[in-house]
Amino acid sequence: MKKKNIFVTRQIPEIGLRLLTQSGARVDVNPEDRALTRKELLKGVQGRDAVLCLLTDRIDDEVMAAAGPQCQIFSNCAVGYNNIDLEAAQRRGLRITNTPGVLTDATADFTWALLFAAARRVVESDAFMRTGQWQGWGPLQFLGTNVSGATLGIVGAGRIGENVALKSIGFGMRVLYTHPRKNFVLEKSLRAARVDLDVLLAQSDFISLHVPLTEKTRHLISSREFGLMKPHAILINTARGPVVDENALVKALRENRIAGAALDVYENEPVTAPGLLDLPNVVACPHLASATKEARSRMADIAARNLLAVLNGNEPLHAVV
């Protein structure tokens, strides 16, 4: 039997690479710690039986055609798959898989880290200390806002949104959420209320985004939505960058229409909207919500197992198509 030929578009945790190499397949890995250029990606996938890719790789019909008709699967090492053209994959009979569930706690925990950092102005005050500006305690220094007893708005109450909301129980927060369906866990555990997005935006002190990126959710939060928010509201985004109109966000922050934003994702990564990083009321992190050793290792493990299952003629753990 011909030896299987696998391409991995970027270095992933060792557990995933070990599974692939121990399978007896030929495994080629992008040696650079960066996303491949378009030209490199098209060349790298040529003649492969399977490709393990990441959310930074745009897997469209051109890439699938470059891989060739023998290619069976693109295994996405991510929970989201907006980087992949699912219609093209279905036309070509390609399997697409993802890694849901394993990063839920890590992402939810990080959402809370961002929320507190913005609410209590941790990043601003840290910079103030490190630059030698502190001259001693003062009653008006870096006044933040209470988290306990505040209203938390969850936009998208799937796995991660639900987890974020459940972690609020220790802070006695009122929870509002939007979702296509009722979330009975949140309603039973927290007496959370399912409301329309406009109501959530108008009543929430903290607004946390947890929706997938689709044509319906692109720029879900833009100028109109910022106008509905409270002046002291803080927006947290650990979902996908294009869910927020980043230029509108910069304008809203400059004009004090909202109090702050805590971001882990951006509309045109790694580029950010002009002026965003100059604003003191923005906490900005480089897309690392799932960046725990445990979560990333499990993602690599599942992505590898998905890929190998398909190559072996079996059903993958997590199929998208």
C-alpha atoms as a PDB file:
ATOM      1  CA  MET A   1       0.000   0.000   0.000  1.00  0.00           C
ATOM      2  CA  LYS A   2       1.269   3.462  -0.883  1.00  0.00           C
ATOM      3  CA  LYS A   3       2.528   5.427   2.111  1.00  0.00           C
ATOM      4  CA  LYS A   4       0.111   8.204   3.123  1.00  0.00           C
ATOM      5  CA  ASN A   5       1.312  11.768   2.674  1.00  0.00           C
ATOM      6  CA  ILE A   6       0.319  14.377   5.283  1.00  0.00           C
ATOM      7  CA  PHE A   7       1.025  18.105   5.390  1.00  0.00           C
ATOM      8  CA  VAL A   8       0.822  20.173   8.601  1.00  0.00           C
ATOM      9  CA  THR A   9       0.634  23.895   7.881  1.00  0.00           C
ATOM     10  CA  ARG A  10       2.288  25.014  11.126  1.00  0.00           C
ATOM     11  CA  GLN A  11       4.009  23.599  14.195  1.00  0.00           C
ATOM     12  CA  ILE A  12       1.485  22.161  16.658  1.00  0.00           C
ATOM     13  CA  PRO A  13       1.987  20.608  20.106  1.00  0.00           C
ATOM     14  CA  GLU A  14       4.089  17.453  20.078  1.00  0.00           C
ATOM     15  CA  ILE A  15       1.249  15.098  20.962  1.00  0.00           C
ATOM     16  CA  GLY A  16      -0.432  15.734  17.606  1.00  0.00           C
ATOM     17  CA  LEU A  17       2.748  15.425  15.554  1.00  0.00           C
ATOM     18  CA  ARG A  18       3.697  12.228  17.380  1.00  0.00           C
ATOM     19  CA  LEU A  19       0.369  10.587  16.504  1.00  0.00           C
ATOM     20  CA  LEU A  20       0.823  11.473  12.846  1.00  0.00           C
ATOM     21  CA  THR A  21       4.399  10.247  12.587  1.00  0.00           C
ATOM     22  CA  GLN A  22       3.687   7.040  14.505  1.00  0.00           C
ATOM     23  CA  SER A  23       0.981   6.217  11.959  1.00  0.00           C
ATOM     24  CA  GLY A  24       3.705   5.413   9.454  1.00  0.00           C
ATOM     25  CA  ALA A  25       2.707   8.212   7.096  1.00  0.00           C
ATOM     26  CA  ARG A  26       5.091  10.705   5.601  1.00  0.00           C
ATOM     27  CA  VAL A  27       4.562  13.924   7.550  1.00  0.00           C
ATOM     28  CA  ASP A  28       5.860  17.307   6.397  1.00  0.00           C
ATOM     29  CA  VAL A  29       5.480  20.287   8.726  1.00  0.00           C
ATOM     30  CA  ASN A  30       5.900  23.979   8.039  1.00  0.00           C
ATOM     31  CA  PRO A  31       9.242  24.636   9.788  1.00  0.00           C
ATOM     32  CA  GLU A  32       8.561  28.345  10.294  1.00  0.00           C
ATOM     33  CA  ASP A  33       6.722  29.710  13.331  1.00  0.00           C
ATOM     34  CA  ARG A  34       4.379  31.754  11.160  1.00  0.00           C
ATOM     35  CA  ALA A  35       1.421  31.312   8.874  1.00  0.00           C
ATOM     36  CA  LEU A  36       2.294  30.235   5.354  1.00  0.00           C
ATOM     37  CA  THR A  37       2.007  32.723   2.530  1.00  0.00           C
ATOM     38  CA  ARG A  38      -0.631  31.941  -0.086  1.00  0.00           C
ATOM     39  CA  LYS A  39       2.037  30.715  -2.488  1.00  0.00           C
ATOM     40  CA  GLU A  40       3.616  28.502   0.186  1.00  0.00           C
ATOM     41  CA  LEU A  41       0.248  27.046   1.162  1.00  0.00           C
ATOM     42  CA  LEU A  42      -0.663  26.180  -2.422  1.00  0.00           C
ATOM     43  CA  LYS A  43       2.697  24.492  -2.908  1.00  0.00           C
ATOM     44  CA  GLY A  44       2.637  22.726   0.465  1.00  0.00           C
ATOM     45  CA  VAL A  45      -0.702  20.966  -0.063  1.00  0.00           C
ATOM     46  CA  GLN A  46       0.151  19.567  -3.497  1.00  0.00           C
ATOM     47  CA  GLY A  47      -0.157  15.811  -3.751  1.00  0.00           C
ATOM     48  CA  ARG A  48      -1.187  15.314  -0.119  1.00  0.00           C
ATOM     49  CA  ASP A  49      -3.603  12.710   1.121  1.00  0.00           C
ATOM     50  CA  ALA A  50      -4.488  14.841   4.132  1.00  0.00           C
ATOM     51  CA  VAL A  51      -3.806  18.326   5.464  1.00  0.00           C
ATOM     52  CA  LEU A  52      -3.847  19.470   9.077  1.00  0.00           C
ATOM     53  CA  CYS A  53      -4.524  23.210   8.943  1.00  0.00           C
ATOM     54  CA  LEU A  54      -5.137  26.122  11.304  1.00  0.00           C
ATOM     55  CA  LEU A  55      -7.537  29.036  11.437  1.00  0.00           C
ATOM     56  CA  THR A  56      -4.904  31.296   9.824  1.00  0.00           C
ATOM     57  CA  ASP A  57      -5.022  29.193   6.645  1.00  0.00           C
ATOM     58  CA  ARG A  58      -7.635  30.174   4.045  1.00  0.00           C
ATOM     59  CA  ILE A  59      -8.769  26.846   2.664  1.00  0.00           C
ATOM     60  CA  ASP A  60     -10.824  27.607  -0.425  1.00  0.00           C
ATOM     61  CA  ASP A  61     -11.507  25.856  -3.716  1.00  0.00           C
ATOM     62  CA  GLU A  62      -8.121  26.898  -5.124  1.00  0.00           C
ATOM     63  CA  VAL A  63      -6.288  25.239  -2.222  1.00  0.00           C
ATOM     64  CA  MET A  64      -8.438  22.113  -2.488  1.00  0.00           C
ATOM     65  CA  ALA A  65      -7.735  21.906  -6.214  1.00  0.00           C
ATOM     66  CA  ALA A  66      -4.020  22.333  -5.551  1.00  0.00           C
ATOM     67  CA  ALA A  67      -4.094  19.442  -3.084  1.00  0.00           C
ATOM     68  CA  GLY A  68      -5.463  17.157  -5.767  1.00  0.00           C
ATOM     69  CA  PRO A  69      -8.278  14.598  -6.085  1.00  0.00           C
ATOM     70  CA  GLN A  70      -6.512  12.076  -3.830  1.00  0.00           C
ATOM     71  CA  CYS A  71      -6.769  14.433  -0.830  1.00  0.00           C
ATOM     72  CA  GLN A  72      -9.358  13.154   1.638  1.00  0.00           C
ATOM     73  CA  ILE A  73      -9.438  15.623   4.518  1.00  0.00           C
ATOM     74  CA  PHE A  74      -8.566  19.075   5.801  1.00  0.00           C
ATOM     75  CA  SER A  75      -8.429  18.704   9.576  1.00  0.00           C
ATOM     76  CA  ASN A  76      -8.810  22.133  11.162  1.00  0.00           C
ATOM     77  CA  CYS A  77      -6.986  22.519  14.481  1.00  0.00           C
ATOM     78  CA  ALA A  78      -9.592  24.954  15.787  1.00  0.00           C
ATOM     79  CA  VAL A  79     -13.178  24.965  16.952  1.00  0.00           C
ATOM     80  CA  GLY A  80     -14.219  27.526  14.333  1.00  0.00           C
ATOM     81  CA  TYR A  81     -14.031  26.763  10.611  1.00  0.00           C
ATOM     82  CA  ASN A  82     -14.875  30.064   8.935  1.00  0.00           C
ATOM     83  CA  ASN A  83     -11.469  29.811   7.228  1.00  0.00           C
ATOM     84  CA  ILE A  84     -12.716  26.877   5.141  1.00  0.00           C
ATOM     85  CA  ASP A  85     -15.062  26.915   2.125  1.00  0.00           C
ATOM     86  CA  LEU A  86     -17.469  24.170   3.172  1.00  0.00           C
ATOM     87  CA  GLU A  87     -19.455  24.250  -0.081  1.00  0.00           C
ATOM     88  CA  ALA A  88     -16.298  23.650  -2.108  1.00  0.00           C
ATOM     89  CA  ALA A  89     -15.349  20.804   0.224  1.00  0.00           C
ATOM     90  CA  GLN A  90     -18.742  19.149  -0.183  1.00  0.00           C
ATOM     91  CA  ARG A  91     -18.564  19.454  -3.975  1.00  0.00           C
ATOM     92  CA  ARG A  92     -15.183  17.732  -3.939  1.00  0.00           C
ATOM     93  CA  GLY A  93     -16.167  15.080  -1.411  1.00  0.00           C
ATOM     94  CA  LEU A  94     -13.584  16.312   1.101  1.00  0.00           C
ATOM     95  CA  ARG A  95     -14.013  15.770   4.809  1.00  0.00           C
ATOM     96  CA  ILE A  96     -13.648  18.807   7.076  1.00  0.00           C
ATOM     97  CA  THR A  97     -13.198  18.382  10.829  1.00  0.00           C
ATOM     98  CA  ASN A  98     -12.653  20.620  13.851  1.00  0.00           C
ATOM     99  CA  THR A  99     -11.775  20.430  17.555  1.00  0.00           C
ATOM    100  CA  PRO A 100     -14.761  21.585  19.627  1.00  0.00           C
ATOM    101  CA  GLY A 101     -15.219  21.311  23.370  1.00  0.00           C
ATOM    102  CA  VAL A 102     -11.604  21.037  24.493  1.00  0.00           C
ATOM    103  CA  LEU A 103     -10.979  24.785  24.555  1.00  0.00           C
ATOM    104  CA  THR A 104     -14.232  25.771  26.240  1.00  0.00           C
ATOM    105  CA  ASP A 105     -12.862  26.259  29.746  1.00  0.00           C
ATOM    106  CA  ALA A 106      -9.652  27.900  28.553  1.00  0.00           C
ATOM    107  CA  THR A 107     -11.534  30.433  26.419  1.00  0.00           C
ATOM    108  CA  ALA A 108     -14.143  31.107  29.095  1.00  0.00           C
ATOM    109  CA  ASP A 109     -11.454  31.605  31.736  1.00  0.00           C
ATOM    110  CA  PHE A 110      -9.647  34.040  29.476  1.00  0.00           C
ATOM    111  CA  THR A 111     -12.874  35.930  28.816  1.00  0.00           C
ATOM    112  CA  TRP A 112     -13.073  36.562  32.542  1.00  0.00           C
ATOM    113  CA  ALA A 113      -9.421  37.631  32.619  1.00  0.00           C
ATOM    114  CA  LEU A 114     -10.190  40.221  29.939  1.00  0.00           C
ATOM    115  CA  LEU A 115     -13.362  41.340  31.682  1.00  0.00           C
ATOM    116  CA  PHE A 116     -11.566  41.994  34.961  1.00  0.00           C
ATOM    117  CA  ALA A 117      -8.581  43.591  33.252  1.00  0.00           C
ATOM    118  CA  ALA A 118     -10.880  46.110  31.584  1.00  0.00           C
ATOM    119  CA  ALA A 119     -13.209  46.626  34.543  1.00  0.00           C
ATOM    120  CA  ARG A 120     -10.373  47.295  36.987  1.00  0.00           C
ATOM    121  CA  ARG A 121      -7.999  48.959  34.494  1.00  0.00           C
ATOM    122  CA  VAL A 122      -5.246  46.444  35.167  1.00  0.00           C
ATOM    123  CA  VAL A 123      -3.265  47.078  31.976  1.00  0.00           C
ATOM    124  CA  GLU A 124      -3.330  50.857  32.344  1.00  0.00           C
ATOM    125  CA  SER A 125      -2.241  50.787  35.965  1.00  0.00           C
ATOM    126  CA  ASP A 126       0.463  48.204  35.285  1.00  0.00           C
ATOM    127  CA  ALA A 127       1.972  50.470  32.614  1.00  0.00           C
ATOM    128  CA  PHE A 128       1.710  53.401  35.029  1.00  0.00           C
ATOM    129  CA  MET A 129       3.756  51.491  37.593  1.00  0.00           C
ATOM    130  CA  ARG A 130       6.360  50.236  35.138  1.00  0.00           C
ATOM    131  CA  THR A 131       7.041  53.701  33.734  1.00  0.00           C
ATOM    132  CA  GLY A 132       7.739  55.141  37.190  1.00  0.00           C
ATOM    133  CA  GLN A 133       4.779  57.492  37.250  1.00  0.00           C
ATOM    134  CA  TRP A 134       3.267  56.343  40.553  1.00  0.00           C
ATOM    135  CA  GLN A 135       3.845  58.793  43.387  1.00  0.00           C
ATOM    136  CA  GLY A 136       1.741  57.047  46.019  1.00  0.00           C
ATOM    137  CA  TRP A 137      -1.831  56.068  46.758  1.00  0.00           C
ATOM    138  CA  GLY A 138      -4.640  58.424  45.729  1.00  0.00           C
ATOM    139  CA  PRO A 139      -8.403  58.161  46.167  1.00  0.00           C
ATOM    140  CA  LEU A 140      -9.168  58.915  42.500  1.00  0.00           C
ATOM    141  CA  GLN A 141      -6.480  56.830  40.838  1.00  0.00           C
ATOM    142  CA  PHE A 142      -7.622  54.410  38.145  1.00  0.00           C
ATOM    143  CA  LEU A 143     -11.204  54.139  39.269  1.00  0.00           C
ATOM    144  CA  GLY A 144     -12.798  51.107  37.658  1.00  0.00           C
ATOM    145  CA  THR A 145     -16.241  49.595  37.808  1.00  0.00           C
ATOM    146  CA  ASN A 146     -17.793  46.868  39.968  1.00  0.00           C
ATOM    147  CA  VAL A 147     -18.210  43.408  38.559  1.00  0.00           C
ATOM    148  CA  SER A 148     -20.190  41.944  41.450  1.00  0.00           C
ATOM    149  CA  GLY A 149     -23.902  42.622  41.050  1.00  0.00           C
ATOM    150  CA  ALA A 150     -23.523  43.963  37.498  1.00  0.00           C
ATOM    151  CA  THR A 151     -25.458  42.754  34.435  1.00  0.00           C
ATOM    152  CA  LEU A 152     -23.603  40.403  32.111  1.00  0.00           C
ATOM    153  CA  GLY A 153     -24.786  40.105  28.516  1.00  0.00           C
ATOM    154  CA  ILE A 154     -23.818  36.908  26.668  1.00  0.00           C
ATOM    155  CA  VAL A 155     -24.154  37.177  22.893  1.00  0.00           C
ATOM    156  CA  GLY A 156     -24.253  33.550  21.818  1.00  0.00           C
ATOM    157  CA  ALA A 157     -24.945  30.977  24.534  1.00  0.00           C
ATOM    158  CA  GLY A 158     -23.268  27.951  23.004  1.00  0.00           C
ATOM    159  CA  ARG A 159     -20.576  25.939  24.774  1.00  0.00           C
ATOM    160  CA  ILE A 160     -18.267  28.855  25.519  1.00  0.00           C
ATOM    161  CA  GLY A 161     -20.922  31.491  26.125  1.00  0.00           C
ATOM    162  CA  GLU A 162     -22.727  29.182  28.522  1.00  0.00           C
ATOM    163  CA  ASN A 163     -19.478  28.453  30.363  1.00  0.00           C
ATOM    164  CA  VAL A 164     -18.676  32.154  30.722  1.00  0.00           C
ATOM    165  CA  ALA A 165     -22.133  32.827  32.095  1.00  0.00           C
ATOM    166  CA  LEU A 166     -21.966  29.962  34.608  1.00  0.00           C
ATOM    167  CA  LYS A 167     -18.689  31.330  35.981  1.00  0.00           C
ATOM    168  CA  SER A 168     -20.538  34.525  36.928  1.00  0.00           C
ATOM    169  CA  ILE A 169     -22.386  32.805  39.747  1.00  0.00           C
ATOM    170  CA  GLY A 170     -19.764  33.786  42.312  1.00  0.00           C
ATOM    171  CA  PHE A 171     -20.283  37.456  41.507  1.00  0.00           C
ATOM    172  CA  GLY A 172     -24.041  37.563  41.876  1.00  0.00           C
ATOM    173  CA  MET A 173     -24.546  38.942  38.390  1.00  0.00           C
ATOM    174  CA  ARG A 174     -27.765  39.285  36.473  1.00  0.00           C
ATOM    175  CA  VAL A 175     -27.333  37.396  33.185  1.00  0.00           C
ATOM    176  CA  LEU A 176     -28.983  38.173  29.864  1.00  0.00           C
ATOM    177  CA  TYR A 177     -28.307  36.150  26.743  1.00  0.00           C
ATOM    178  CA  THR A 178     -29.110  35.937  23.050  1.00  0.00           C
ATOM    179  CA  HIS A 179     -29.211  32.605  21.265  1.00  0.00           C
ATOM    180  CA  PRO A 180     -31.320  30.950  18.550  1.00  0.00           C
ATOM    181  CA  ARG A 181     -32.740  28.601  21.191  1.00  0.00           C
ATOM    182  CA  LYS A 182     -33.474  28.717  24.907  1.00  0.00           C
ATOM    183  CA  ASN A 183     -30.545  27.701  27.082  1.00  0.00           C
ATOM    184  CA  PHE A 184     -32.241  25.751  29.852  1.00  0.00           C
ATOM    185  CA  VAL A 185     -28.983  25.322  31.791  1.00  0.00           C
ATOM    186  CA  LEU A 186     -28.552  29.081  32.145  1.00  0.00           C
ATOM    187  CA  GLU A 187     -32.192  29.712  32.875  1.00  0.00           C
ATOM    188  CA  LYS A 188     -32.301  27.035  35.574  1.00  0.00           C
ATOM    189  CA  SER A 189     -28.879  27.737  37.141  1.00  0.00           C
ATOM    190  CA  LEU A 190     -28.773  31.536  36.925  1.00  0.00           C
ATOM    191  CA  ARG A 191     -32.328  32.566  36.145  1.00  0.00           C
ATOM    192  CA  ALA A 192     -30.821  34.039  33.012  1.00  0.00           C
ATOM    193  CA  ALA A 193     -33.178  35.762  30.600  1.00  0.00           C
ATOM    194  CA  ARG A 194     -33.155  35.217  26.844  1.00  0.00           C
ATOM    195  CA  VAL A 195     -33.697  38.596  25.194  1.00  0.00           C
ATOM    196  CA  ASP A 196     -33.278  40.320  21.846  1.00  0.00           C
ATOM    197  CA  LEU A 197     -29.844  41.715  21.051  1.00  0.00           C
ATOM    198  CA  ASP A 198     -31.028  45.331  21.337  1.00  0.00           C
ATOM    199  CA  VAL A 199     -32.379  44.709  24.832  1.00  0.00           C
ATOM    200  CA  LEU A 200     -29.170  42.981  25.878  1.00  0.00           C
ATOM    201  CA  LEU A 201     -27.022  45.841  24.590  1.00  0.00           C
ATOM    202  CA  ALA A 202     -29.143  48.460  26.314  1.00  0.00           C
ATOM    203  CA  GLN A 203     -29.234  46.743  29.710  1.00  0.00           C
ATOM    204  CA  SER A 204     -25.821  45.065  30.080  1.00  0.00           C
ATOM    205  CA  ASP A 205     -22.798  46.461  31.897  1.00  0.00           C
ATOM    206  CA  PHE A 206     -20.512  43.851  30.335  1.00  0.00           C
ATOM    207  CA  ILE A 207     -21.159  42.433  26.859  1.00  0.00           C
ATOM    208  CA  SER A 208     -19.294  39.265  25.918  1.00  0.00           C
ATOM    209  CA  LEU A 209     -19.350  37.950  22.346  1.00  0.00           C
ATOM    210  CA  HIS A 210     -19.467  34.207  21.649  1.00  0.00           C
ATOM    211  CA  VAL A 211     -20.967  33.785  18.179  1.00  0.00           C
ATOM    212  CA  PRO A 212     -19.384  32.092  15.155  1.00  0.00           C
ATOM    213  CA  LEU A 213     -18.412  34.238  12.189  1.00  0.00           C
ATOM    214  CA  THR A 214     -21.042  34.005   9.461  1.00  0.00           C
ATOM    215  CA  GLU A 215     -22.454  36.480   6.980  1.00  0.00           C
ATOM    216  CA  LYS A 216     -25.186  37.229   9.536  1.00  0.00           C
ATOM    217  CA  THR A 217     -22.764  37.920  12.380  1.00  0.00           C
ATOM    218  CA  ARG A 218     -20.178  39.927  10.415  1.00  0.00           C
ATOM    219  CA  HIS A 219     -20.275  43.451  11.919  1.00  0.00           C
ATOM    220  CA  LEU A 220     -23.010  42.316  14.280  1.00  0.00           C
ATOM    221  CA  ILE A 221     -21.700  45.059  16.572  1.00  0.00           C
ATOM    222  CA  SER A 222     -21.324  48.366  14.723  1.00  0.00           C
ATOM    223  CA  SER A 223     -22.194  52.047  15.109  1.00  0.00           C
ATOM    224  CA  ARG A 224     -25.902  51.467  15.719  1.00  0.00           C
ATOM    225  CA  GLU A 225     -25.218  48.856  18.384  1.00  0.00           C
ATOM    226  CA  PHE A 226     -22.656  51.014  20.173  1.00  0.00           C
ATOM    227  CA  GLY A 227     -25.309  53.709  20.328  1.00  0.00           C
ATOM    228  CA  LEU A 228     -27.579  51.353  22.273  1.00  0.00           C
ATOM    229  CA  MET A 229     -25.009  50.532  24.952  1.00  0.00           C
ATOM    230  CA  LYS A 230     -24.615  52.166  28.337  1.00  0.00           C
ATOM    231  CA  PRO A 231     -21.862  54.811  28.576  1.00  0.00           C
ATOM    232  CA  HIS A 232     -20.093  52.660  31.179  1.00  0.00           C
ATOM    233  CA  ALA A 233     -20.450  49.409  29.209  1.00  0.00           C
ATOM    234  CA  ILE A 234     -17.436  47.247  28.433  1.00  0.00           C
ATOM    235  CA  LEU A 235     -17.297  45.006  25.341  1.00  0.00           C
ATOM    236  CA  ILE A 236     -15.346  41.725  25.447  1.00  0.00           C
ATOM    237  CA  ASN A 237     -14.603  39.767  22.272  1.00  0.00           C
ATOM    238  CA  THR A 238     -13.036  36.306  22.306  1.00  0.00           C
ATOM    239  CA  ALA A 239     -15.118  35.054  19.359  1.00  0.00           C
ATOM    240  CA  ARG A 240     -14.034  36.289  15.923  1.00  0.00           C
ATOM    241  CA  GLY A 241     -12.725  39.733  15.065  1.00  0.00           C
ATOM    242  CA  PRO A 242     -15.072  40.598  12.176  1.00  0.00           C
ATOM    243  CA  VAL A 243     -18.094  40.217  14.469  1.00  0.00           C
ATOM    244  CA  VAL A 244     -17.176  43.769  15.551  1.00  0.00           C
ATOM    245  CA  ASP A 245     -16.844  46.706  13.173  1.00  0.00           C
ATOM    246  CA  GLU A 246     -13.418  47.735  14.444  1.00  0.00           C
ATOM    247  CA  ASN A 247     -13.459  51.264  13.015  1.00  0.00           C
ATOM    248  CA  ALA A 248     -16.837  51.869  14.626  1.00  0.00           C
ATOM    249  CA  LEU A 249     -15.416  50.545  17.898  1.00  0.00           C
ATOM    250  CA  VAL A 250     -12.520  52.997  17.793  1.00  0.00           C
ATOM    251  CA  LYS A 251     -14.959  55.856  17.180  1.00  0.00           C
ATOM    252  CA  ALA A 252     -17.253  54.744  20.010  1.00  0.00           C
ATOM    253  CA  LEU A 253     -14.336  54.548  22.444  1.00  0.00           C
ATOM    254  CA  ARG A 254     -12.909  57.916  21.420  1.00  0.00           C
ATOM    255  CA  GLU A 255     -16.298  59.555  21.831  1.00  0.00           C
ATOM    256  CA  ASN A 256     -16.873  57.845  25.206  1.00  0.00           C
ATOM    257  CA  ARG A 257     -20.027  56.169  23.967  1.00  0.00           C
ATOM    258  CA  ILE A 258     -18.810  53.091  25.837  1.00  0.00           C
ATOM    259  CA  ALA A 259     -16.261  52.845  28.626  1.00  0.00           C
ATOM    260  CA  GLY A 260     -13.914  50.219  27.252  1.00  0.00           C
ATOM    261  CA  ALA A 261     -13.175  47.112  25.250  1.00  0.00           C
ATOM    262  CA  ALA A 262     -11.188  43.956  25.935  1.00  0.00           C
ATOM    263  CA  LEU A 263     -10.195  42.147  22.755  1.00  0.00           C
ATOM    264  CA  ASP A 264      -8.464  38.919  21.835  1.00  0.00           C
ATOM    265  CA  VAL A 265      -9.485  38.862  18.161  1.00  0.00           C
ATOM    266  CA  TYR A 266      -9.414  41.473  15.407  1.00  0.00           C
ATOM    267  CA  GLU A 267     -11.103  42.183  12.128  1.00  0.00           C
ATOM    268  CA  ASN A 268      -8.009  41.884   9.927  1.00  0.00           C
ATOM    269  CA  GLU A 269      -5.482  39.961  11.988  1.00  0.00           C
ATOM    270  CA  PRO A 270      -2.693  40.702  12.670  1.00  0.00           C
ATOM    271  CA  VAL A 271      -3.483  44.303  11.612  1.00  0.00           C
ATOM    272  CA  THR A 272      -5.706  46.405  13.875  1.00  0.00           C
ATOM    273  CA  ALA A 273      -7.839  49.432  13.028  1.00  0.00           C
ATOM    274  CA  PRO A 274      -5.984  52.764  13.062  1.00  0.00           C
ATOM    275  CA  GLY A 275      -5.871  54.211  16.559  1.00  0.00           C
ATOM    276  CA  LEU A 276      -7.180  51.130  18.364  1.00  0.00           C
ATOM    277  CA  LEU A 277      -3.955  50.355  20.211  1.00  0.00           C
ATOM    278  CA  ASP A 278      -3.453  54.014  21.148  1.00  0.00           C
ATOM    279  CA  LEU A 279      -6.566  54.039  23.308  1.00  0.00           C
ATOM    280  CA  PRO A 280      -5.986  53.627  27.045  1.00  0.00           C
ATOM    281  CA  ASN A 281      -9.417  52.032  27.553  1.00  0.00           C
ATOM    282  CA  VAL A 282      -8.588  49.036  25.355  1.00  0.00           C
ATOM    283  CA  VAL A 283      -7.130  45.761  26.594  1.00  0.00           C
ATOM    284  CA  ALA A 284      -5.602  44.023  23.569  1.00  0.00           C
ATOM    285  CA  CYS A 285      -4.239  40.474  23.489  1.00  0.00           C
ATOM    286  CA  PRO A 286      -2.838  38.517  20.504  1.00  0.00           C
ATOM    287  CA  HIS A 287      -5.536  35.867  19.949  1.00  0.00           C
ATOM    288  CA  LEU A 288      -4.587  33.591  22.818  1.00  0.00           C
ATOM    289  CA  ALA A 289      -7.831  32.694  24.585  1.00  0.00           C
ATOM    290  CA  SER A 290      -7.226  28.978  24.068  1.00  0.00           C
ATOM    291  CA  ALA A 291      -3.510  29.268  24.831  1.00  0.00           C
ATOM    292  CA  THR A 292      -3.126  26.886  27.711  1.00  0.00           C
ATOM    293  CA  LYS A 293      -0.808  23.898  27.412  1.00  0.00           C
ATOM    294  CA  GLU A 294      -3.692  21.593  28.179  1.00  0.00           C
ATOM    295  CA  ALA A 295      -6.163  23.050  25.667  1.00  0.00           C
ATOM    296  CA  ARG A 296      -3.731  23.402  22.789  1.00  0.00           C
ATOM    297  CA  SER A 297      -2.409  19.871  23.330  1.00  0.00           C
ATOM    298  CA  ARG A 298      -5.948  18.457  23.267  1.00  0.00           C
ATOM    299  CA  MET A 299      -6.684  20.430  20.096  1.00  0.00           C
ATOM    300  CA  ALA A 300      -3.600  18.974  18.387  1.00  0.00           C
ATOM    301  CA  ASP A 301      -4.497  15.486  19.612  1.00  0.00           C
ATOM    302  CA  ILE A 302      -8.058  15.663  18.279  1.00  0.00           C
ATOM    303  CA  ALA A 303      -7.020  17.254  14.973  1.00  0.00           C
ATOM    304  CA  ALA A 304      -4.528  14.420  14.419  1.00  0.00           C
ATOM    305  CA  ARG A 305      -7.055  11.742  15.406  1.00  0.00           C
ATOM    306  CA  ASN A 306      -9.685  13.252  13.092  1.00  0.00           C
ATOM    307  CA  LEU A 307      -7.222  13.164  10.214  1.00  0.00           C
ATOM    308  CA  LEU A 308      -6.024   9.619  10.834  1.00  0.00           C
ATOM    309  CA  ALA A 309      -9.565   8.308  11.258  1.00  0.00           C
ATOM    310  CA  VAL A 310     -10.507   9.508   7.784  1.00  0.00           C
ATOM    311  CA  LEU A 311      -7.311   8.152   6.213  1.00  0.00           C
ATOM    312  CA  ASN A 312      -8.096   4.791   7.806  1.00  0.00           C
ATOM    313  CA  GLY A 313     -11.622   4.777   6.420  1.00  0.00           C
ATOM    314  CA  ASN A 314     -13.311   5.559   9.721  1.00  0.00           C
ATOM    315  CA  GLU A 315     -15.621   8.329  10.895  1.00  0.00           C
ATOM    316  CA  PRO A 316     -13.732  11.220  12.559  1.00  0.00           C
ATOM    317  CA  LEU A 317     -14.377  12.343  16.130  1.00  0.00           C
ATOM    318  CA  HIS A 318     -15.708  15.743  15.048  1.00  0.00           C
ATOM    319  CA  ALA A 319     -16.974  16.090  11.485  1.00  0.00           C
ATOM    320  CA  VAL A 320     -18.082  19.408  10.021  1.00  0.00           C
ATOM    321  CA  VAL A 321     -18.773  17.943   6.547  1.00  0.00           C
END
